[in-house]
Amino acid sequence: MKVIKTILSFFLSCVLVLTVCADGLIPLTYNYNNPEVTVEFSAPLEVSAERQQAIADKLAGRTPNGIIDPSVSSPDNIICTLFGHDLAPQATVTVTHHKVRQYNPRCLLELYHVTYCKRCNYTVEELHSSSYVICCPED
């Protein structure tokens, strides 16, 4: 009976730790309306939630106020200017533009490789591939 209580208490403590850690997770999927776009990161980036949101907004072709803006740039900070960028490993991001065509396959799927600096807003999004897929039913 003591063994069962020990195992149960260990299991409950593990669940509690995982629940506490889950609060700080950055979302991996961002959904936009009008036009419908889904941006999905293969893994969380090593940046703040706001920075990852800004990268998702840029890939979706949007600014925070909802206006489509093809090029959003920001100046580097002084540390990167002096010592260079602290580039993270390349991340993979999938962007799905829903209902682009009238008939199937009607959704455009784009695969981006994103390189970013951990210290400043330097980001390079390189389109790796694109194709039309079936993801939305025809109207």
N, C-alpha and C. Protein backbone atom coordinates (compact mmCIF):
# COMPACT_ATOMS: atom_id res chain seq x y z
N MET A 1 0.82 -1.19 0.00
CA MET A 1 0.00 0.00 0.00
C MET A 1 0.88 1.27 0.00
N LYS A 2 2.00 1.20 0.73
CA LYS A 2 2.91 2.34 0.79
C LYS A 2 3.53 2.61 -0.58
N VAL A 3 3.80 1.57 -1.33
CA VAL A 3 4.37 1.70 -2.67
C VAL A 3 3.38 2.39 -3.59
N ILE A 4 2.12 2.03 -3.49
CA ILE A 4 1.09 2.65 -4.33
C ILE A 4 0.95 4.13 -4.00
N LYS A 5 1.00 4.49 -2.74
CA LYS A 5 0.91 5.90 -2.33
C LYS A 5 2.11 6.69 -2.85
N THR A 6 3.28 6.07 -2.80
CA THR A 6 4.49 6.74 -3.29
C THR A 6 4.41 6.96 -4.79
N ILE A 7 3.98 5.96 -5.52
CA ILE A 7 3.85 6.08 -6.97
C ILE A 7 2.80 7.13 -7.33
N LEU A 8 1.68 7.10 -6.63
CA LEU A 8 0.61 8.07 -6.88
C LEU A 8 1.06 9.49 -6.58
N SER A 9 1.76 9.70 -5.48
CA SER A 9 2.23 11.04 -5.14
C SER A 9 3.28 11.52 -6.16
N PHE A 10 4.14 10.61 -6.63
CA PHE A 10 5.11 10.97 -7.66
C PHE A 10 4.41 11.37 -8.96
N PHE A 11 3.41 10.61 -9.36
CA PHE A 11 2.65 10.90 -10.57
C PHE A 11 1.95 12.25 -10.45
N LEU A 12 1.32 12.52 -9.32
CA LEU A 12 0.63 13.80 -9.14
C LEU A 12 1.59 14.98 -9.14
N SER A 13 2.77 14.80 -8.56
CA SER A 13 3.76 15.88 -8.58
C SER A 13 4.26 16.14 -10.00
N CYS A 14 4.41 15.08 -10.79
CA CYS A 14 4.83 15.25 -12.20
C CYS A 14 3.77 16.00 -12.99
N VAL A 15 2.52 15.67 -12.78
CA VAL A 15 1.43 16.36 -13.47
C VAL A 15 1.40 17.83 -13.08
N LEU A 16 1.62 18.13 -11.80
CA LEU A 16 1.63 19.52 -11.34
C LEU A 16 2.77 20.30 -11.98
N VAL A 17 3.96 19.70 -12.07
CA VAL A 17 5.11 20.36 -12.69
C VAL A 17 4.82 20.64 -14.16
N LEU A 18 4.27 19.67 -14.88
CA LEU A 18 3.97 19.86 -16.29
C LEU A 18 2.90 20.93 -16.48
N THR A 19 1.94 21.01 -15.59
CA THR A 19 0.89 22.02 -15.68
C THR A 19 1.46 23.42 -15.47
N VAL A 20 2.36 23.56 -14.51
CA VAL A 20 2.98 24.86 -14.24
C VAL A 20 3.86 25.28 -15.41
N CYS A 21 4.62 24.35 -16.00
CA CYS A 21 5.49 24.66 -17.12
C CYS A 21 4.70 24.99 -18.38
N ALA A 22 3.52 24.45 -18.54
CA ALA A 22 2.73 24.67 -19.75
C ALA A 22 2.22 26.09 -19.85
N ASP A 23 2.14 26.82 -18.74
CA ASP A 23 1.64 28.19 -18.78
C ASP A 23 2.56 29.11 -19.57
N GLY A 24 3.88 28.85 -19.58
CA GLY A 24 4.82 29.72 -20.25
C GLY A 24 5.08 29.37 -21.70
N LEU A 25 4.37 28.40 -22.26
CA LEU A 25 4.63 27.99 -23.63
C LEU A 25 4.15 29.04 -24.63
N ILE A 26 4.90 29.17 -25.69
CA ILE A 26 4.54 30.08 -26.78
C ILE A 26 3.71 29.27 -27.78
N PRO A 27 2.61 29.82 -28.26
CA PRO A 27 1.79 29.05 -29.21
C PRO A 27 2.57 28.76 -30.50
N LEU A 28 2.24 27.63 -31.11
CA LEU A 28 2.91 27.23 -32.34
C LEU A 28 2.08 27.55 -33.57
N THR A 29 0.77 27.79 -33.40
CA THR A 29 -0.12 28.05 -34.52
C THR A 29 -0.81 29.40 -34.33
N TYR A 30 -0.79 30.19 -35.39
CA TYR A 30 -1.45 31.50 -35.39
C TYR A 30 -2.45 31.51 -36.54
N ASN A 31 -3.69 31.86 -36.24
CA ASN A 31 -4.76 31.90 -37.24
C ASN A 31 -5.18 33.34 -37.49
N TYR A 32 -5.37 33.68 -38.75
CA TYR A 32 -5.78 35.02 -39.15
C TYR A 32 -7.03 34.92 -40.00
N ASN A 33 -7.86 35.94 -39.96
CA ASN A 33 -9.07 36.00 -40.77
C ASN A 33 -8.99 37.16 -41.75
N ASN A 34 -9.68 36.99 -42.86
CA ASN A 34 -9.87 38.04 -43.86
C ASN A 34 -8.57 38.59 -44.41
N PRO A 35 -7.83 37.93 -45.22
CA PRO A 35 -8.01 36.58 -45.73
C PRO A 35 -7.57 35.55 -44.69
N GLU A 36 -8.07 34.33 -44.86
CA GLU A 36 -7.75 33.26 -43.92
C GLU A 36 -6.34 32.74 -44.16
N VAL A 37 -5.53 32.84 -43.12
CA VAL A 37 -4.14 32.38 -43.19
C VAL A 37 -3.82 31.69 -41.87
N THR A 38 -3.09 30.58 -41.95
CA THR A 38 -2.60 29.88 -40.77
C THR A 38 -1.09 29.82 -40.84
N VAL A 39 -0.43 30.25 -39.77
CA VAL A 39 1.03 30.20 -39.67
C VAL A 39 1.35 29.21 -38.56
N GLU A 40 2.16 28.19 -38.89
CA GLU A 40 2.47 27.15 -37.91
C GLU A 40 3.98 26.95 -37.81
N PHE A 41 4.49 27.11 -36.59
CA PHE A 41 5.92 26.90 -36.32
C PHE A 41 6.14 25.43 -35.97
N SER A 42 7.22 24.85 -36.46
CA SER A 42 7.52 23.45 -36.16
C SER A 42 7.95 23.29 -34.70
N ALA A 43 8.51 24.34 -34.11
CA ALA A 43 8.92 24.35 -32.71
C ALA A 43 8.95 25.81 -32.25
N PRO A 44 8.79 26.05 -30.95
CA PRO A 44 8.86 27.44 -30.48
C PRO A 44 10.23 28.04 -30.75
N LEU A 45 10.26 29.30 -31.11
CA LEU A 45 11.53 29.98 -31.35
C LEU A 45 12.12 30.40 -30.02
N GLU A 46 13.42 30.64 -30.00
CA GLU A 46 14.12 31.05 -28.78
C GLU A 46 14.02 32.56 -28.59
N VAL A 47 12.81 33.08 -28.69
CA VAL A 47 12.55 34.51 -28.54
C VAL A 47 11.28 34.67 -27.70
N SER A 48 10.93 35.91 -27.41
CA SER A 48 9.73 36.17 -26.63
C SER A 48 8.48 35.85 -27.45
N ALA A 49 7.38 35.72 -26.75
CA ALA A 49 6.09 35.44 -27.41
C ALA A 49 5.73 36.59 -28.36
N GLU A 50 6.04 37.81 -27.98
CA GLU A 50 5.73 38.97 -28.83
C GLU A 50 6.54 38.94 -30.11
N ARG A 51 7.81 38.54 -30.01
CA ARG A 51 8.68 38.47 -31.19
C ARG A 51 8.20 37.37 -32.13
N GLN A 52 7.83 36.21 -31.59
CA GLN A 52 7.33 35.13 -32.44
C GLN A 52 6.03 35.55 -33.10
N GLN A 53 5.17 36.27 -32.37
CA GLN A 53 3.92 36.79 -32.95
C GLN A 53 4.23 37.74 -34.09
N ALA A 54 5.25 38.60 -33.93
CA ALA A 54 5.63 39.54 -34.98
C ALA A 54 6.13 38.81 -36.23
N ILE A 55 6.88 37.72 -36.03
CA ILE A 55 7.36 36.93 -37.17
C ILE A 55 6.17 36.27 -37.87
N ALA A 56 5.23 35.74 -37.10
CA ALA A 56 4.03 35.14 -37.69
C ALA A 56 3.22 36.19 -38.46
N ASP A 57 3.09 37.39 -37.89
CA ASP A 57 2.37 38.47 -38.56
C ASP A 57 3.04 38.82 -39.89
N LYS A 58 4.36 38.87 -39.89
CA LYS A 58 5.09 39.22 -41.10
C LYS A 58 4.90 38.14 -42.17
N LEU A 59 4.98 36.86 -41.77
CA LEU A 59 4.79 35.78 -42.74
C LEU A 59 3.36 35.73 -43.26
N ALA A 60 2.42 36.14 -42.44
CA ALA A 60 1.02 36.18 -42.88
C ALA A 60 0.74 37.42 -43.72
N GLY A 61 1.73 38.33 -43.80
CA GLY A 61 1.57 39.54 -44.60
C GLY A 61 0.78 40.61 -43.89
N ARG A 62 0.91 40.67 -42.55
CA ARG A 62 0.12 41.62 -41.78
C ARG A 62 0.98 42.39 -40.80
N THR A 63 0.48 43.53 -40.43
CA THR A 63 1.03 44.30 -39.34
C THR A 63 0.06 44.19 -38.18
N PRO A 64 0.43 44.61 -36.97
CA PRO A 64 -0.48 44.46 -35.83
C PRO A 64 -1.84 45.14 -36.03
N ASN A 65 -1.94 46.18 -36.86
CA ASN A 65 -3.23 46.83 -37.06
C ASN A 65 -4.05 46.18 -38.16
N GLY A 66 -3.55 45.05 -38.74
CA GLY A 66 -4.32 44.29 -39.70
C GLY A 66 -4.12 44.69 -41.15
N ILE A 67 -3.28 45.69 -41.41
CA ILE A 67 -3.03 46.13 -42.78
C ILE A 67 -1.93 45.26 -43.38
N ILE A 68 -2.14 44.82 -44.60
CA ILE A 68 -1.13 43.99 -45.25
C ILE A 68 0.09 44.85 -45.56
N ASP A 69 1.25 44.37 -45.15
CA ASP A 69 2.51 45.09 -45.32
C ASP A 69 3.58 44.10 -45.74
N PRO A 70 4.03 44.12 -46.99
CA PRO A 70 4.97 43.11 -47.46
C PRO A 70 6.36 43.19 -46.85
N SER A 71 6.77 44.34 -46.38
CA SER A 71 8.13 44.42 -45.82
C SER A 71 8.12 45.25 -44.55
N VAL A 72 8.34 44.59 -43.45
CA VAL A 72 8.44 45.27 -42.16
C VAL A 72 9.87 45.10 -41.70
N SER A 73 10.58 46.20 -41.53
CA SER A 73 11.97 46.09 -41.09
C SER A 73 12.17 46.96 -39.86
N SER A 74 13.14 46.58 -39.07
CA SER A 74 13.46 47.35 -37.88
C SER A 74 14.97 47.40 -37.73
N PRO A 75 15.49 48.47 -37.13
CA PRO A 75 16.94 48.60 -37.01
C PRO A 75 17.50 47.60 -36.00
N ASP A 76 18.77 47.23 -36.19
CA ASP A 76 19.45 46.33 -35.26
C ASP A 76 19.82 47.10 -34.00
N ASN A 77 20.06 46.36 -32.91
CA ASN A 77 20.51 47.03 -31.71
C ASN A 77 22.03 47.21 -31.76
N ILE A 78 22.58 47.98 -30.83
CA ILE A 78 24.00 48.34 -30.85
C ILE A 78 24.90 47.12 -30.63
N ILE A 79 24.45 46.14 -29.84
CA ILE A 79 25.26 44.96 -29.57
C ILE A 79 25.47 44.16 -30.86
N CYS A 80 24.41 44.01 -31.64
CA CYS A 80 24.54 43.27 -32.91
C CYS A 80 25.37 44.05 -33.91
N THR A 81 25.29 45.36 -33.87
CA THR A 81 26.09 46.18 -34.77
C THR A 81 27.58 46.01 -34.46
N LEU A 82 27.92 45.96 -33.18
CA LEU A 82 29.32 45.84 -32.78
C LEU A 82 29.86 44.42 -32.87
N PHE A 83 29.09 43.44 -32.41
CA PHE A 83 29.60 42.07 -32.28
C PHE A 83 28.98 41.07 -33.25
N GLY A 84 28.02 41.48 -34.03
CA GLY A 84 27.37 40.57 -34.96
C GLY A 84 26.15 39.92 -34.34
N HIS A 85 25.39 39.24 -35.16
CA HIS A 85 24.15 38.62 -34.72
C HIS A 85 24.41 37.29 -34.02
N ASP A 86 23.55 36.96 -33.07
CA ASP A 86 23.57 35.65 -32.41
C ASP A 86 22.46 34.83 -33.06
N LEU A 87 22.79 34.21 -34.19
CA LEU A 87 21.78 33.52 -34.99
C LEU A 87 21.40 32.18 -34.36
N ALA A 88 20.11 31.94 -34.31
CA ALA A 88 19.58 30.67 -33.81
C ALA A 88 19.57 29.67 -34.96
N PRO A 89 19.46 28.37 -34.64
CA PRO A 89 19.32 27.38 -35.72
C PRO A 89 18.08 27.69 -36.55
N GLN A 90 18.16 27.39 -37.82
CA GLN A 90 17.07 27.68 -38.75
C GLN A 90 15.78 26.98 -38.31
N ALA A 91 14.68 27.72 -38.32
CA ALA A 91 13.38 27.18 -37.94
C ALA A 91 12.54 26.97 -39.20
N THR A 92 11.62 26.02 -39.14
CA THR A 92 10.73 25.75 -40.25
C THR A 92 9.34 26.26 -39.90
N VAL A 93 8.76 27.04 -40.80
CA VAL A 93 7.43 27.62 -40.58
C VAL A 93 6.57 27.33 -41.80
N THR A 94 5.36 26.84 -41.56
CA THR A 94 4.41 26.55 -42.63
C THR A 94 3.34 27.63 -42.64
N VAL A 95 3.10 28.21 -43.81
CA VAL A 95 2.06 29.23 -43.96
C VAL A 95 1.03 28.69 -44.95
N THR A 96 -0.22 28.62 -44.51
CA THR A 96 -1.30 28.12 -45.36
C THR A 96 -2.26 29.26 -45.66
N HIS A 97 -2.39 29.58 -46.93
CA HIS A 97 -3.36 30.60 -47.39
C HIS A 97 -4.61 29.83 -47.82
N HIS A 98 -5.67 29.98 -47.05
CA HIS A 98 -6.88 29.20 -47.29
C HIS A 98 -7.76 29.83 -48.38
N LYS A 99 -8.43 28.98 -49.14
CA LYS A 99 -9.43 29.36 -50.14
C LYS A 99 -8.88 30.36 -51.16
N VAL A 100 -7.69 30.09 -51.66
CA VAL A 100 -7.07 30.96 -52.67
C VAL A 100 -7.73 30.73 -54.03
N ARG A 101 -8.06 29.47 -54.32
CA ARG A 101 -8.71 29.12 -55.58
C ARG A 101 -10.17 28.74 -55.31
N GLN A 102 -10.94 28.73 -56.37
CA GLN A 102 -12.35 28.37 -56.23
C GLN A 102 -12.55 26.87 -56.09
N TYR A 103 -11.72 26.07 -56.79
CA TYR A 103 -11.88 24.61 -56.78
C TYR A 103 -10.62 23.95 -56.21
N ASN A 104 -10.78 22.71 -55.72
CA ASN A 104 -9.67 21.97 -55.12
C ASN A 104 -8.63 21.60 -56.17
N PRO A 105 -7.36 21.63 -55.82
CA PRO A 105 -6.79 22.07 -54.54
C PRO A 105 -6.81 23.59 -54.46
N ARG A 106 -7.37 24.10 -53.43
CA ARG A 106 -7.62 25.55 -53.37
C ARG A 106 -6.80 26.30 -52.34
N CYS A 107 -6.03 25.63 -51.51
CA CYS A 107 -5.23 26.30 -50.48
C CYS A 107 -3.74 26.28 -50.87
N LEU A 108 -3.08 27.40 -50.69
CA LEU A 108 -1.66 27.51 -51.00
C LEU A 108 -0.86 27.25 -49.73
N LEU A 109 0.02 26.25 -49.77
CA LEU A 109 0.87 25.88 -48.64
C LEU A 109 2.29 26.32 -48.96
N GLU A 110 2.85 27.16 -48.10
CA GLU A 110 4.22 27.65 -48.28
C GLU A 110 5.07 27.19 -47.11
N LEU A 111 6.28 26.73 -47.40
CA LEU A 111 7.21 26.28 -46.37
C LEU A 111 8.38 27.26 -46.34
N TYR A 112 8.58 27.90 -45.19
CA TYR A 112 9.64 28.88 -45.02
C TYR A 112 10.72 28.35 -44.09
N HIS A 113 11.96 28.73 -44.37
CA HIS A 113 13.06 28.54 -43.44
C HIS A 113 13.36 29.92 -42.87
N VAL A 114 13.27 30.04 -41.55
CA VAL A 114 13.42 31.33 -40.88
C VAL A 114 14.72 31.32 -40.07
N THR A 115 15.55 32.30 -40.33
CA THR A 115 16.77 32.53 -39.56
C THR A 115 16.57 33.83 -38.79
N TYR A 116 16.89 33.82 -37.50
CA TYR A 116 16.64 35.01 -36.69
C TYR A 116 17.75 35.17 -35.65
N CYS A 117 17.91 36.40 -35.21
CA CYS A 117 18.88 36.73 -34.17
C CYS A 117 18.17 36.67 -32.82
N LYS A 118 18.85 36.12 -31.83
CA LYS A 118 18.27 36.02 -30.49
C LYS A 118 18.34 37.35 -29.74
N ARG A 119 19.19 38.28 -30.21
CA ARG A 119 19.39 39.54 -29.48
C ARG A 119 18.65 40.73 -30.07
N CYS A 120 18.36 40.70 -31.36
CA CYS A 120 17.71 41.85 -32.00
C CYS A 120 16.61 41.37 -32.93
N ASN A 121 16.03 42.26 -33.69
CA ASN A 121 14.90 41.93 -34.56
C ASN A 121 15.30 41.46 -35.95
N TYR A 122 16.57 41.13 -36.15
CA TYR A 122 17.04 40.64 -37.45
C TYR A 122 16.37 39.30 -37.75
N THR A 123 15.68 39.23 -38.89
CA THR A 123 14.98 38.01 -39.30
C THR A 123 15.07 37.88 -40.81
N VAL A 124 15.34 36.67 -41.29
CA VAL A 124 15.34 36.38 -42.71
C VAL A 124 14.40 35.21 -42.94
N GLU A 125 13.38 35.44 -43.76
CA GLU A 125 12.42 34.39 -44.12
C GLU A 125 12.69 33.99 -45.56
N GLU A 126 13.05 32.74 -45.75
CA GLU A 126 13.35 32.24 -47.09
C GLU A 126 12.30 31.21 -47.49
N LEU A 127 11.61 31.48 -48.60
CA LEU A 127 10.61 30.56 -49.10
C LEU A 127 11.32 29.33 -49.66
N HIS A 128 11.05 28.17 -49.07
CA HIS A 128 11.70 26.93 -49.49
C HIS A 128 10.87 26.20 -50.55
N SER A 129 9.55 26.15 -50.36
CA SER A 129 8.70 25.49 -51.34
C SER A 129 7.27 25.99 -51.18
N SER A 130 6.49 25.80 -52.22
CA SER A 130 5.06 26.15 -52.16
C SER A 130 4.30 25.21 -53.08
N SER A 131 3.08 24.90 -52.68
CA SER A 131 2.24 24.02 -53.48
C SER A 131 0.79 24.22 -53.07
N TYR A 132 -0.10 23.82 -53.94
CA TYR A 132 -1.52 23.88 -53.63
C TYR A 132 -1.95 22.55 -53.01
N VAL A 133 -2.76 22.64 -51.96
CA VAL A 133 -3.22 21.45 -51.25
C VAL A 133 -4.73 21.53 -51.04
N ILE A 134 -5.31 20.39 -50.72
CA ILE A 134 -6.74 20.33 -50.40
C ILE A 134 -6.85 20.41 -48.88
N CYS A 135 -7.39 21.51 -48.37
CA CYS A 135 -7.59 21.62 -46.93
C CYS A 135 -8.94 22.23 -46.59
N CYS A 136 -9.56 22.91 -47.53
CA CYS A 136 -10.85 23.53 -47.28
C CYS A 136 -11.86 22.98 -48.31
N PRO A 137 -13.08 22.71 -47.87
CA PRO A 137 -14.08 22.21 -48.83
C PRO A 137 -14.46 23.30 -49.82
N GLU A 138 -14.89 22.88 -50.98
CA GLU A 138 -15.33 23.84 -51.99
C GLU A 138 -16.65 24.45 -51.53
N ASP A 139 -16.85 25.72 -51.87
CA ASP A 139 -18.08 26.42 -51.47
C ASP A 139 -19.26 25.98 -52.29
